[in-house]
Amino acid sequence: MRSASIYKKILCFLAVAAVCAAPLFAAEKTEAVRIVIEKRARLLIVYSGVVKLKEYKIAIGRGGTGRKLRKGDALTPEGKYRISGRNPQSKYHKALRVSYPNKEDEARAAASGADPGGDIMIHGVKNGFGWLGPLHRLFDWTLGCVALTNGEIEELWELAPDGTEVEILP
């Protein structure tokens, strides 16, 4: 009878240890599958499935919260895109390329006879100004990109592989 009790205690201990240790044996690296940018709220949210991994405060294009219509309007686009590349030698610390313009953006620009522009990035602070840290968010300053602190773009760089979905909302 006593040996059965010991076995139960051992099994109970092993079950608890397995549950507690499960995160140690999870996938080596959690990757983002989706990035949602809420322009009005000035937030960038990173998801892996339905799990929110990170949330960052951001600065956007100095043109405000309207929808990007053409090259040079300093507006951040809205729509569904992907991370389509990366620049480790960016003038803005590091930069993740957003696949703007998509077909809808091109059609909208063509209908108004405009060039939709391009070169939209999620990036850090301009080289030499990293010391600003979160102060860079006091106003919108980009030409249509989404800006994070240099430490935050380092984190996102590791979390978001090329191909990660990016949805930019008003």
C-alpha atoms as a PDB file:
ATOM      1  CA  MET A   1       0.000   0.000   0.000  1.00  0.00           C
ATOM      2  CA  ARG A   2       2.798   2.335   0.911  1.00  0.00           C
ATOM      3  CA  SER A   3       4.633   1.697  -2.389  1.00  0.00           C
ATOM      4  CA  ALA A   4       1.466   2.672  -4.340  1.00  0.00           C
ATOM      5  CA  SER A   5       1.426   5.971  -2.473  1.00  0.00           C
ATOM      6  CA  ILE A   6       5.055   6.652  -3.395  1.00  0.00           C
ATOM      7  CA  TYR A   7       4.311   5.881  -7.052  1.00  0.00           C
ATOM      8  CA  LYS A   8       1.368   8.290  -7.005  1.00  0.00           C
ATOM      9  CA  LYS A   9       3.574  11.001  -5.520  1.00  0.00           C
ATOM     10  CA  ILE A  10       6.268  10.377  -8.117  1.00  0.00           C
ATOM     11  CA  LEU A  11       3.718  10.444 -10.961  1.00  0.00           C
ATOM     12  CA  CYS A  12       2.185  13.619  -9.565  1.00  0.00           C
ATOM     13  CA  PHE A  13       5.635  15.212  -9.305  1.00  0.00           C
ATOM     14  CA  LEU A  14       6.510  14.194 -12.881  1.00  0.00           C
ATOM     15  CA  ALA A  15       3.190  15.558 -14.194  1.00  0.00           C
ATOM     16  CA  VAL A  16       3.722  18.903 -12.470  1.00  0.00           C
ATOM     17  CA  ALA A  17       7.345  19.028 -13.640  1.00  0.00           C
ATOM     18  CA  ALA A  18       6.290  18.311 -17.234  1.00  0.00           C
ATOM     19  CA  VAL A  19       3.684  21.086 -17.187  1.00  0.00           C
ATOM     20  CA  CYS A  20       6.097  23.575 -15.641  1.00  0.00           C
ATOM     21  CA  ALA A  21       8.911  22.627 -18.000  1.00  0.00           C
ATOM     22  CA  ALA A  22       6.773  22.624 -21.172  1.00  0.00           C
ATOM     23  CA  PRO A  23       7.809  26.175 -22.198  1.00  0.00           C
ATOM     24  CA  LEU A  24      11.452  25.110 -21.989  1.00  0.00           C
ATOM     25  CA  PHE A  25      10.828  22.504 -24.646  1.00  0.00           C
ATOM     26  CA  ALA A  26       8.618  24.667 -26.876  1.00  0.00           C
ATOM     27  CA  ALA A  27       9.795  25.746 -30.308  1.00  0.00           C
ATOM     28  CA  GLU A  28      13.217  27.354 -30.153  1.00  0.00           C
ATOM     29  CA  LYS A  29      12.034  30.623 -31.638  1.00  0.00           C
ATOM     30  CA  THR A  30       8.563  32.108 -31.782  1.00  0.00           C
ATOM     31  CA  GLU A  31       7.950  33.831 -35.088  1.00  0.00           C
ATOM     32  CA  ALA A  32       5.431  36.450 -36.010  1.00  0.00           C
ATOM     33  CA  VAL A  33       2.867  35.439 -38.582  1.00  0.00           C
ATOM     34  CA  ARG A  34       1.023  38.749 -38.599  1.00  0.00           C
ATOM     35  CA  ILE A  35       1.707  42.388 -37.834  1.00  0.00           C
ATOM     36  CA  VAL A  36      -1.202  44.781 -37.350  1.00  0.00           C
ATOM     37  CA  ILE A  37      -0.538  48.504 -37.465  1.00  0.00           C
ATOM     38  CA  GLU A  38      -3.254  50.771 -36.071  1.00  0.00           C
ATOM     39  CA  LYS A  39      -2.425  54.245 -37.347  1.00  0.00           C
ATOM     40  CA  ARG A  40      -4.904  56.220 -35.218  1.00  0.00           C
ATOM     41  CA  ALA A  41      -3.792  54.449 -32.039  1.00  0.00           C
ATOM     42  CA  ARG A  42      -0.121  54.637 -33.126  1.00  0.00           C
ATOM     43  CA  LEU A  43       0.366  50.947 -32.345  1.00  0.00           C
ATOM     44  CA  LEU A  44       2.135  48.046 -34.018  1.00  0.00           C
ATOM     45  CA  ILE A  45       0.983  44.662 -32.696  1.00  0.00           C
ATOM     46  CA  VAL A  46       2.811  41.409 -33.451  1.00  0.00           C
ATOM     47  CA  TYR A  47       0.936  38.094 -33.461  1.00  0.00           C
ATOM     48  CA  SER A  48       1.884  34.456 -33.685  1.00  0.00           C
ATOM     49  CA  GLY A  49      -1.456  32.890 -34.579  1.00  0.00           C
ATOM     50  CA  VAL A  50      -3.957  34.444 -32.172  1.00  0.00           C
ATOM     51  CA  VAL A  51      -1.322  35.042 -29.487  1.00  0.00           C
ATOM     52  CA  LYS A  52      -0.146  38.636 -29.119  1.00  0.00           C
ATOM     53  CA  LEU A  53       3.650  38.542 -28.877  1.00  0.00           C
ATOM     54  CA  LYS A  54       4.493  42.241 -28.639  1.00  0.00           C
ATOM     55  CA  GLU A  55       2.941  45.678 -28.865  1.00  0.00           C
ATOM     56  CA  TYR A  56       4.896  48.793 -29.772  1.00  0.00           C
ATOM     57  CA  LYS A  57       4.052  52.489 -29.870  1.00  0.00           C
ATOM     58  CA  ILE A  58       4.991  53.990 -33.232  1.00  0.00           C
ATOM     59  CA  ALA A  59       5.392  57.157 -35.259  1.00  0.00           C
ATOM     60  CA  ILE A  60       3.898  57.230 -38.767  1.00  0.00           C
ATOM     61  CA  GLY A  61       4.046  59.479 -41.816  1.00  0.00           C
ATOM     62  CA  ARG A  62       3.976  63.178 -41.075  1.00  0.00           C
ATOM     63  CA  GLY A  63       1.055  63.550 -43.500  1.00  0.00           C
ATOM     64  CA  GLY A  64      -1.310  62.258 -40.792  1.00  0.00           C
ATOM     65  CA  THR A  65      -3.716  59.347 -40.674  1.00  0.00           C
ATOM     66  CA  GLY A  66      -5.194  59.536 -44.183  1.00  0.00           C
ATOM     67  CA  ARG A  67      -4.719  56.797 -46.762  1.00  0.00           C
ATOM     68  CA  LYS A  68      -1.613  57.070 -48.957  1.00  0.00           C
ATOM     69  CA  LEU A  69      -2.635  58.199 -52.438  1.00  0.00           C
ATOM     70  CA  ARG A  70       0.585  59.065 -54.225  1.00  0.00           C
ATOM     71  CA  LYS A  71       4.329  59.365 -53.978  1.00  0.00           C
ATOM     72  CA  GLY A  72       5.431  62.264 -51.794  1.00  0.00           C
ATOM     73  CA  ASP A  73       2.222  62.714 -49.763  1.00  0.00           C
ATOM     74  CA  ALA A  74       4.003  61.633 -46.516  1.00  0.00           C
ATOM     75  CA  LEU A  75       1.069  59.352 -45.654  1.00  0.00           C
ATOM     76  CA  THR A  76       1.401  55.798 -44.357  1.00  0.00           C
ATOM     77  CA  PRO A  77      -0.513  53.362 -46.592  1.00  0.00           C
ATOM     78  CA  GLU A  78      -3.495  51.256 -45.509  1.00  0.00           C
ATOM     79  CA  GLY A  79      -4.154  47.721 -46.642  1.00  0.00           C
ATOM     80  CA  LYS A  80      -2.764  44.202 -46.592  1.00  0.00           C
ATOM     81  CA  TYR A  81       0.890  43.668 -47.332  1.00  0.00           C
ATOM     82  CA  ARG A  82       3.837  41.438 -46.407  1.00  0.00           C
ATOM     83  CA  ILE A  83       7.389  41.870 -45.185  1.00  0.00           C
ATOM     84  CA  SER A  84       9.125  41.639 -48.552  1.00  0.00           C
ATOM     85  CA  GLY A  85      12.737  42.187 -47.551  1.00  0.00           C
ATOM     86  CA  ARG A  86      15.094  43.768 -45.069  1.00  0.00           C
ATOM     87  CA  ASN A  87      17.902  46.284 -45.010  1.00  0.00           C
ATOM     88  CA  PRO A  88      20.458  45.799 -42.228  1.00  0.00           C
ATOM     89  CA  GLN A  89      22.383  48.862 -43.501  1.00  0.00           C
ATOM     90  CA  SER A  90      19.426  51.273 -43.472  1.00  0.00           C
ATOM     91  CA  LYS A  91      19.890  54.986 -42.721  1.00  0.00           C
ATOM     92  CA  TYR A  92      17.286  54.253 -40.033  1.00  0.00           C
ATOM     93  CA  HIS A  93      19.171  51.590 -38.055  1.00  0.00           C
ATOM     94  CA  LYS A  94      17.460  48.553 -39.622  1.00  0.00           C
ATOM     95  CA  ALA A  95      14.457  48.396 -41.916  1.00  0.00           C
ATOM     96  CA  LEU A  96      11.840  45.813 -42.863  1.00  0.00           C
ATOM     97  CA  ARG A  97      10.395  46.447 -46.334  1.00  0.00           C
ATOM     98  CA  VAL A  98       6.590  46.471 -46.656  1.00  0.00           C
ATOM     99  CA  SER A  99       5.248  45.207 -50.002  1.00  0.00           C
ATOM    100  CA  TYR A 100       3.511  48.515 -50.819  1.00  0.00           C
ATOM    101  CA  PRO A 101       2.043  49.190 -53.340  1.00  0.00           C
ATOM    102  CA  ASN A 102      -0.364  46.294 -53.751  1.00  0.00           C
ATOM    103  CA  LYS A 103      -2.714  45.939 -56.758  1.00  0.00           C
ATOM    104  CA  GLU A 104      -5.413  48.083 -55.135  1.00  0.00           C
ATOM    105  CA  ASP A 105      -2.911  50.851 -54.383  1.00  0.00           C
ATOM    106  CA  GLU A 106      -1.645  50.774 -57.977  1.00  0.00           C
ATOM    107  CA  ALA A 107      -5.198  50.900 -59.391  1.00  0.00           C
ATOM    108  CA  ARG A 108      -6.188  53.804 -57.121  1.00  0.00           C
ATOM    109  CA  ALA A 109      -3.080  55.780 -58.094  1.00  0.00           C
ATOM    110  CA  ALA A 110      -3.550  55.022 -61.810  1.00  0.00           C
ATOM    111  CA  ALA A 111      -7.174  56.208 -61.653  1.00  0.00           C
ATOM    112  CA  SER A 112      -5.975  59.607 -60.431  1.00  0.00           C
ATOM    113  CA  GLY A 113      -2.958  59.706 -62.756  1.00  0.00           C
ATOM    114  CA  ALA A 114      -0.508  59.513 -59.860  1.00  0.00           C
ATOM    115  CA  ASP A 115       2.567  57.487 -59.028  1.00  0.00           C
ATOM    116  CA  PRO A 116       1.720  55.354 -55.936  1.00  0.00           C
ATOM    117  CA  GLY A 117       5.282  55.598 -54.662  1.00  0.00           C
ATOM    118  CA  GLY A 118       6.968  52.812 -52.766  1.00  0.00           C
ATOM    119  CA  ASP A 119       9.861  52.201 -50.409  1.00  0.00           C
ATOM    120  CA  ILE A 120       7.598  51.877 -47.351  1.00  0.00           C
ATOM    121  CA  MET A 121       9.463  50.435 -44.383  1.00  0.00           C
ATOM    122  CA  ILE A 122       9.128  49.592 -40.721  1.00  0.00           C
ATOM    123  CA  HIS A 123      12.352  51.010 -39.348  1.00  0.00           C
ATOM    124  CA  GLY A 124      14.243  52.445 -36.417  1.00  0.00           C
ATOM    125  CA  VAL A 125      15.393  55.990 -35.721  1.00  0.00           C
ATOM    126  CA  LYS A 126      17.724  57.783 -38.136  1.00  0.00           C
ATOM    127  CA  ASN A 127      21.360  56.819 -37.618  1.00  0.00           C
ATOM    128  CA  GLY A 128      22.999  59.120 -35.093  1.00  0.00           C
ATOM    129  CA  PHE A 129      19.682  59.858 -33.364  1.00  0.00           C
ATOM    130  CA  GLY A 130      19.113  56.536 -31.588  1.00  0.00           C
ATOM    131  CA  TRP A 131      19.614  58.363 -28.292  1.00  0.00           C
ATOM    132  CA  LEU A 132      16.123  59.829 -28.783  1.00  0.00           C
ATOM    133  CA  GLY A 133      14.636  56.428 -27.951  1.00  0.00           C
ATOM    134  CA  PRO A 134      10.884  56.736 -27.340  1.00  0.00           C
ATOM    135  CA  LEU A 135      11.028  60.531 -27.662  1.00  0.00           C
ATOM    136  CA  HIS A 136      10.921  60.064 -31.447  1.00  0.00           C
ATOM    137  CA  ARG A 137       7.224  59.221 -31.013  1.00  0.00           C
ATOM    138  CA  LEU A 138       6.309  62.704 -29.763  1.00  0.00           C
ATOM    139  CA  PHE A 139       5.305  63.555 -33.344  1.00  0.00           C
ATOM    140  CA  ASP A 140       4.844  61.797 -36.676  1.00  0.00           C
ATOM    141  CA  TRP A 141       7.984  62.364 -38.688  1.00  0.00           C
ATOM    142  CA  THR A 142       8.429  59.733 -41.402  1.00  0.00           C
ATOM    143  CA  LEU A 143       7.710  60.133 -45.109  1.00  0.00           C
ATOM    144  CA  GLY A 144       5.113  57.330 -44.900  1.00  0.00           C
ATOM    145  CA  CYS A 145       7.002  54.629 -43.043  1.00  0.00           C
ATOM    146  CA  VAL A 146       6.382  53.215 -39.566  1.00  0.00           C
ATOM    147  CA  ALA A 147       9.052  54.041 -36.987  1.00  0.00           C
ATOM    148  CA  LEU A 148      10.082  52.200 -33.818  1.00  0.00           C
ATOM    149  CA  THR A 149      12.985  52.736 -31.437  1.00  0.00           C
ATOM    150  CA  ASN A 150      16.203  51.028 -32.495  1.00  0.00           C
ATOM    151  CA  GLY A 151      15.813  48.429 -29.737  1.00  0.00           C
ATOM    152  CA  GLU A 152      12.271  47.685 -30.886  1.00  0.00           C
ATOM    153  CA  ILE A 153      13.234  47.254 -34.553  1.00  0.00           C
ATOM    154  CA  GLU A 154      15.964  44.858 -33.370  1.00  0.00           C
ATOM    155  CA  GLU A 155      13.268  42.755 -31.625  1.00  0.00           C
ATOM    156  CA  LEU A 156      10.889  42.907 -34.584  1.00  0.00           C
ATOM    157  CA  TRP A 157      13.735  42.052 -36.973  1.00  0.00           C
ATOM    158  CA  GLU A 158      14.157  38.759 -35.085  1.00  0.00           C
ATOM    159  CA  LEU A 159      10.415  38.040 -34.730  1.00  0.00           C
ATOM    160  CA  ALA A 160       9.197  38.796 -38.258  1.00  0.00           C
ATOM    161  CA  PRO A 161      10.623  36.744 -41.118  1.00  0.00           C
ATOM    162  CA  ASP A 162      10.192  37.760 -44.732  1.00  0.00           C
ATOM    163  CA  GLY A 163       6.645  36.917 -45.807  1.00  0.00           C
ATOM    164  CA  THR A 164       5.046  37.970 -42.500  1.00  0.00           C
ATOM    165  CA  GLU A 165       1.591  39.464 -43.119  1.00  0.00           C
ATOM    166  CA  VAL A 166       1.297  43.192 -42.439  1.00  0.00           C
ATOM    167  CA  GLU A 167      -2.126  44.795 -42.121  1.00  0.00           C
ATOM    168  CA  ILE A 168      -2.198  48.579 -41.836  1.00  0.00           C
ATOM    169  CA  LEU A 169      -5.452  49.949 -40.482  1.00  0.00           C
ATOM    170  CA  PRO A 170      -6.680  53.569 -40.345  1.00  0.00           C
END
